[in-house]
């Protein structure tokens, strides 16, 4: 639905080759029209938690 949301995004950190358990966390305000683009590590992934503000 319309409105603003908060996206908390967890992705592999840049040093994933040396420390595979290290994560980056980013929080940003988004709307339903936003596109979230992520650069993923090889064999990596991401977790997104999106909640309405």
N, C-alpha and C. Protein backbone atom coordinates (compact mmCIF):
# COMPACT_ATOMS: atom_id res chain seq x y z
N UNK A 1 0.83 -1.19 0.00
CA UNK A 1 0.00 0.00 0.00
C UNK A 1 0.87 1.25 0.00
N UNK A 2 0.26 2.39 -0.19
CA UNK A 2 1.00 3.65 -0.25
C UNK A 2 1.63 3.97 1.09
N UNK A 3 2.65 4.81 1.05
CA UNK A 3 3.30 5.25 2.28
C UNK A 3 4.78 4.98 2.25
N UNK A 4 5.41 5.32 3.35
CA UNK A 4 6.85 5.13 3.49
C UNK A 4 7.13 3.88 4.31
N UNK A 5 8.26 3.27 4.01
CA UNK A 5 8.68 2.06 4.69
C UNK A 5 10.14 2.20 5.09
N UNK A 6 10.53 1.42 6.07
CA UNK A 6 11.94 1.35 6.44
C UNK A 6 12.45 -0.02 6.03
N UNK A 7 13.50 -0.03 5.24
CA UNK A 7 14.13 -1.29 4.82
C UNK A 7 15.44 -1.44 5.56
N UNK A 8 15.58 -2.52 6.31
CA UNK A 8 16.84 -2.88 6.94
C UNK A 8 17.42 -4.01 6.11
N UNK A 9 18.62 -3.79 5.58
CA UNK A 9 19.21 -4.71 4.60
C UNK A 9 20.52 -5.25 5.15
N UNK A 10 20.62 -6.57 5.21
CA UNK A 10 21.85 -7.24 5.63
C UNK A 10 22.44 -7.96 4.42
N UNK A 11 23.71 -7.68 4.13
CA UNK A 11 24.41 -8.35 3.04
C UNK A 11 25.79 -8.77 3.52
N UNK A 12 26.45 -9.62 2.75
CA UNK A 12 27.82 -10.00 3.07
C UNK A 12 28.72 -8.77 3.02
N UNK A 13 29.64 -8.67 3.96
CA UNK A 13 30.58 -7.55 4.00
C UNK A 13 31.64 -7.72 2.92
N UNK A 14 32.39 -6.64 2.65
CA UNK A 14 33.42 -6.69 1.60
C UNK A 14 34.50 -7.71 1.89
N UNK A 15 34.75 -8.00 3.16
CA UNK A 15 35.80 -8.97 3.51
C UNK A 15 35.26 -10.39 3.65
N UNK A 16 34.21 -10.71 2.91
CA UNK A 16 33.54 -12.01 3.02
C UNK A 16 34.50 -13.18 2.73
N UNK A 17 35.49 -12.98 1.89
CA UNK A 17 36.44 -14.06 1.59
C UNK A 17 37.26 -14.42 2.83
N UNK A 18 37.59 -13.44 3.65
CA UNK A 18 38.39 -13.67 4.86
C UNK A 18 37.52 -13.95 6.08
N UNK A 19 36.33 -13.36 6.12
CA UNK A 19 35.45 -13.51 7.28
C UNK A 19 34.02 -13.73 6.79
N UNK A 20 33.65 -14.98 6.52
CA UNK A 20 32.34 -15.26 5.92
C UNK A 20 31.15 -14.95 6.82
N UNK A 21 31.38 -14.71 8.10
CA UNK A 21 30.27 -14.41 9.02
C UNK A 21 30.07 -12.91 9.23
N UNK A 22 30.86 -12.08 8.55
CA UNK A 22 30.76 -10.64 8.70
C UNK A 22 29.67 -10.09 7.78
N UNK A 23 28.78 -9.27 8.35
CA UNK A 23 27.67 -8.71 7.58
C UNK A 23 27.71 -7.19 7.60
N UNK A 24 27.20 -6.59 6.53
CA UNK A 24 26.95 -5.15 6.48
C UNK A 24 25.46 -4.94 6.74
N UNK A 25 25.14 -3.87 7.45
CA UNK A 25 23.74 -3.52 7.73
C UNK A 25 23.50 -2.11 7.23
N UNK A 26 22.42 -1.96 6.47
CA UNK A 26 22.05 -0.66 5.93
C UNK A 26 20.57 -0.44 6.21
N UNK A 27 20.23 0.76 6.64
CA UNK A 27 18.83 1.11 6.89
C UNK A 27 18.49 2.28 5.97
N UNK A 28 17.38 2.14 5.24
CA UNK A 28 16.97 3.25 4.37
C UNK A 28 15.46 3.33 4.27
N UNK A 29 15.00 4.54 3.97
CA UNK A 29 13.57 4.78 3.78
C UNK A 29 13.24 4.48 2.32
N UNK A 30 12.16 3.73 2.10
CA UNK A 30 11.75 3.36 0.75
C UNK A 30 10.24 3.53 0.62
N UNK A 31 9.80 3.54 -0.63
CA UNK A 31 8.37 3.53 -0.94
C UNK A 31 8.10 2.30 -1.79
N UNK A 32 6.85 2.04 -2.07
CA UNK A 32 6.51 0.86 -2.86
C UNK A 32 7.02 0.97 -4.30
N UNK A 33 7.37 2.17 -4.74
CA UNK A 33 7.85 2.36 -6.11
C UNK A 33 9.37 2.22 -6.23
N UNK A 34 10.07 2.19 -5.10
CA UNK A 34 11.53 2.08 -5.13
C UNK A 34 11.97 0.68 -5.57
N UNK A 35 13.11 0.65 -6.23
CA UNK A 35 13.75 -0.61 -6.60
C UNK A 35 15.02 -0.71 -5.78
N UNK A 36 15.18 -1.82 -5.08
CA UNK A 36 16.36 -2.04 -4.25
C UNK A 36 17.31 -2.94 -5.03
N UNK A 37 18.46 -2.38 -5.39
CA UNK A 37 19.48 -3.16 -6.10
C UNK A 37 20.59 -3.50 -5.13
N UNK A 38 21.03 -4.76 -5.16
CA UNK A 38 22.06 -5.23 -4.24
C UNK A 38 23.19 -5.89 -5.00
N UNK A 39 24.42 -5.63 -4.56
CA UNK A 39 25.58 -6.35 -5.08
C UNK A 39 25.85 -7.50 -4.13
N UNK A 40 25.68 -8.71 -4.62
CA UNK A 40 25.84 -9.88 -3.76
C UNK A 40 27.19 -10.55 -4.01
N UNK A 41 27.75 -11.09 -2.94
CA UNK A 41 28.99 -11.86 -3.06
C UNK A 41 28.68 -13.18 -3.75
N UNK A 42 29.71 -13.77 -4.35
CA UNK A 42 29.54 -15.08 -4.97
C UNK A 42 29.03 -16.05 -3.91
N UNK A 43 27.98 -16.76 -4.23
CA UNK A 43 27.32 -17.69 -3.30
C UNK A 43 26.79 -16.98 -2.06
N UNK A 44 26.62 -15.67 -2.14
CA UNK A 44 26.13 -14.89 -1.00
C UNK A 44 24.63 -14.70 -1.08
N UNK A 45 24.15 -13.88 -0.21
CA UNK A 45 22.72 -13.61 -0.18
C UNK A 45 22.45 -12.32 0.58
N UNK A 46 21.19 -12.08 0.82
CA UNK A 46 20.80 -10.87 1.53
C UNK A 46 19.54 -11.16 2.33
N UNK A 47 19.35 -10.37 3.37
CA UNK A 47 18.13 -10.43 4.15
C UNK A 47 17.58 -9.01 4.20
N UNK A 48 16.31 -8.86 3.87
CA UNK A 48 15.65 -7.55 3.93
C UNK A 48 14.48 -7.64 4.89
N UNK A 49 14.41 -6.69 5.80
CA UNK A 49 13.28 -6.56 6.71
C UNK A 49 12.64 -5.22 6.40
N UNK A 50 11.42 -5.25 5.91
CA UNK A 50 10.73 -4.03 5.49
C UNK A 50 9.51 -3.83 6.37
N UNK A 51 9.42 -2.63 6.95
CA UNK A 51 8.27 -2.34 7.80
C UNK A 51 7.73 -0.96 7.48
N UNK A 52 6.44 -0.80 7.69
CA UNK A 52 5.78 0.48 7.43
C UNK A 52 6.15 1.48 8.51
N UNK A 53 6.38 2.72 8.08
CA UNK A 53 6.68 3.79 9.04
C UNK A 53 5.40 4.46 9.51
